[in-house]
Amino acid sequence: MDLLDALVKVEHSVFSHSMDTNVQIQLVAETTDKKFVKRYTGKATSEGASSVSVEDMEIALNSLLEAVLQDIARDQQLTTFMNENF
């Protein structure tokens, strides 16, 4: 599993902020003769008043990472490949 992208981009104005969070993970599972490669992506956007704290950015990134990891755990294609090859 490779973490290809994990980014929180924040834009501030005088009275508000917007925060875009992106995560991309690539999973590779291979045997001697077969290979499964798939990328999983998550995006989230939030807006609010005042400024953003480091803790707010951490929470946003961790929540998105958790959601993408849950998608990987529920991926039927991956489950099928694993069951057939391992």
C-alpha atoms as a PDB file:
ATOM      1  CA  MET A   1       0.000   0.000   0.000  1.00  0.00           C
ATOM      2  CA  ASP A   2       1.407   3.385  -1.034  1.00  0.00           C
ATOM      3  CA  LEU A   3       0.144   6.755   0.138  1.00  0.00           C
ATOM      4  CA  LEU A   4       0.311   8.803  -3.053  1.00  0.00           C
ATOM      5  CA  ASP A   5      -1.340  11.985  -1.797  1.00  0.00           C
ATOM      6  CA  ALA A   6      -2.456  13.367   1.554  1.00  0.00           C
ATOM      7  CA  LEU A   7      -3.135  17.077   1.378  1.00  0.00           C
ATOM      8  CA  VAL A   8      -5.160  19.645   3.288  1.00  0.00           C
ATOM      9  CA  LYS A   9      -5.449  22.950   1.449  1.00  0.00           C
ATOM     10  CA  VAL A  10      -6.834  25.907   3.410  1.00  0.00           C
ATOM     11  CA  GLU A  11      -7.892  29.252   2.019  1.00  0.00           C
ATOM     12  CA  HIS A  12      -8.531  32.086   4.469  1.00  0.00           C
ATOM     13  CA  SER A  13     -10.465  35.296   4.136  1.00  0.00           C
ATOM     14  CA  VAL A  14     -11.124  37.913   6.790  1.00  0.00           C
ATOM     15  CA  PHE A  15     -14.195  36.194   8.276  1.00  0.00           C
ATOM     16  CA  SER A  16     -14.150  32.627   6.945  1.00  0.00           C
ATOM     17  CA  HIS A  17     -12.150  29.723   5.579  1.00  0.00           C
ATOM     18  CA  SER A  18     -12.522  26.824   3.179  1.00  0.00           C
ATOM     19  CA  MET A  19     -10.645  23.562   3.504  1.00  0.00           C
ATOM     20  CA  ASP A  20     -10.126  20.953   0.765  1.00  0.00           C
ATOM     21  CA  THR A  21      -8.774  17.569   1.817  1.00  0.00           C
ATOM     22  CA  ASN A  22      -7.472  14.964  -0.665  1.00  0.00           C
ATOM     23  CA  VAL A  23      -6.185  11.440  -0.129  1.00  0.00           C
ATOM     24  CA  GLN A  24      -5.004   8.916  -2.711  1.00  0.00           C
ATOM     25  CA  ILE A  25      -3.799   5.418  -1.852  1.00  0.00           C
ATOM     26  CA  GLN A  26      -2.528   2.779  -4.263  1.00  0.00           C
ATOM     27  CA  LEU A  27      -2.834  -0.851  -3.265  1.00  0.00           C
ATOM     28  CA  VAL A  28      -0.796  -3.575  -4.953  1.00  0.00           C
ATOM     29  CA  ALA A  29      -1.367  -7.273  -4.251  1.00  0.00           C
ATOM     30  CA  GLU A  30       0.594  -9.769  -6.298  1.00  0.00           C
ATOM     31  CA  THR A  31       1.428 -13.410  -6.585  1.00  0.00           C
ATOM     32  CA  THR A  32       4.100 -14.954  -8.767  1.00  0.00           C
ATOM     33  CA  ASP A  33       1.797 -14.831 -11.807  1.00  0.00           C
ATOM     34  CA  LYS A  34      -0.983 -12.308 -11.044  1.00  0.00           C
ATOM     35  CA  LYS A  35      -1.107  -8.707  -9.937  1.00  0.00           C
ATOM     36  CA  PHE A  36      -3.932  -6.535  -8.579  1.00  0.00           C
ATOM     37  CA  VAL A  37      -3.369  -2.764  -8.633  1.00  0.00           C
ATOM     38  CA  LYS A  38      -6.007  -0.219  -7.692  1.00  0.00           C
ATOM     39  CA  ARG A  39      -6.060   3.412  -6.599  1.00  0.00           C
ATOM     40  CA  TYR A  40      -8.489   4.664  -4.004  1.00  0.00           C
ATOM     41  CA  THR A  41      -9.271   8.371  -3.760  1.00  0.00           C
ATOM     42  CA  GLY A  42     -11.099  10.506  -1.240  1.00  0.00           C
ATOM     43  CA  LYS A  43     -11.999  14.194  -1.339  1.00  0.00           C
ATOM     44  CA  ALA A  44     -13.712  16.361   1.230  1.00  0.00           C
ATOM     45  CA  THR A  45     -14.525  20.047   1.466  1.00  0.00           C
ATOM     46  CA  SER A  46     -15.597  22.131   4.428  1.00  0.00           C
ATOM     47  CA  GLU A  47     -16.179  25.798   5.142  1.00  0.00           C
ATOM     48  CA  GLY A  48     -16.493  27.737   8.342  1.00  0.00           C
ATOM     49  CA  ALA A  49     -16.147  30.999  10.172  1.00  0.00           C
ATOM     50  CA  SER A  50     -12.860  32.294  11.553  1.00  0.00           C
ATOM     51  CA  SER A  51      -9.561  30.485  11.035  1.00  0.00           C
ATOM     52  CA  VAL A  52      -8.682  26.790  10.966  1.00  0.00           C
ATOM     53  CA  SER A  53      -6.584  25.210  13.693  1.00  0.00           C
ATOM     54  CA  VAL A  54      -3.964  22.532  13.184  1.00  0.00           C
ATOM     55  CA  GLU A  55      -6.282  20.183  15.086  1.00  0.00           C
ATOM     56  CA  ASP A  56      -9.119  20.901  12.612  1.00  0.00           C
ATOM     57  CA  MET A  57      -6.827  20.020   9.697  1.00  0.00           C
ATOM     58  CA  GLU A  58      -5.665  16.857  11.478  1.00  0.00           C
ATOM     59  CA  ILE A  59      -9.246  15.771  12.127  1.00  0.00           C
ATOM     60  CA  ALA A  60     -10.223  16.395   8.495  1.00  0.00           C
ATOM     61  CA  LEU A  61      -7.269  14.389   7.148  1.00  0.00           C
ATOM     62  CA  ASN A  62      -7.721  11.526   9.624  1.00  0.00           C
ATOM     63  CA  SER A  63     -11.458  11.291   8.877  1.00  0.00           C
ATOM     64  CA  LEU A  64     -10.826  11.131   5.152  1.00  0.00           C
ATOM     65  CA  LEU A  65      -8.050   8.549   5.551  1.00  0.00           C
ATOM     66  CA  GLU A  66     -10.387   6.419   7.652  1.00  0.00           C
ATOM     67  CA  ALA A  67     -13.115   6.648   5.003  1.00  0.00           C
ATOM     68  CA  VAL A  68     -10.724   5.611   2.210  1.00  0.00           C
ATOM     69  CA  LEU A  69      -9.356   2.704   4.279  1.00  0.00           C
ATOM     70  CA  GLN A  70     -12.927   1.555   4.918  1.00  0.00           C
ATOM     71  CA  ASP A  71     -13.559   1.660   1.150  1.00  0.00           C
ATOM     72  CA  ILE A  72     -10.513  -0.566   0.655  1.00  0.00           C
ATOM     73  CA  ALA A  73     -11.739  -3.002   3.312  1.00  0.00           C
ATOM     74  CA  ARG A  74     -15.146  -3.239   1.576  1.00  0.00           C
ATOM     75  CA  ASP A  75     -13.789  -3.519  -1.989  1.00  0.00           C
ATOM     76  CA  GLN A  76     -15.334  -6.630  -3.503  1.00  0.00           C
ATOM     77  CA  GLN A  77     -12.774  -6.809  -6.341  1.00  0.00           C
ATOM     78  CA  LEU A  78      -9.925  -6.887  -3.832  1.00  0.00           C
ATOM     79  CA  THR A  79     -11.718  -9.464  -1.688  1.00  0.00           C
ATOM     80  CA  THR A  80     -12.282 -11.691  -4.710  1.00  0.00           C
ATOM     81  CA  PHE A  81      -8.629 -11.420  -5.789  1.00  0.00           C
ATOM     82  CA  MET A  82      -7.420 -12.229  -2.280  1.00  0.00           C
ATOM     83  CA  ASN A  83      -9.766 -15.215  -1.926  1.00  0.00           C
ATOM     84  CA  GLU A  84      -8.763 -16.640  -5.294  1.00  0.00           C
ATOM     85  CA  ASN A  85      -5.002 -16.116  -4.977  1.00  0.00           C
ATOM     86  CA  PHE A  86      -3.966 -16.295  -1.327  1.00  0.00           C
END
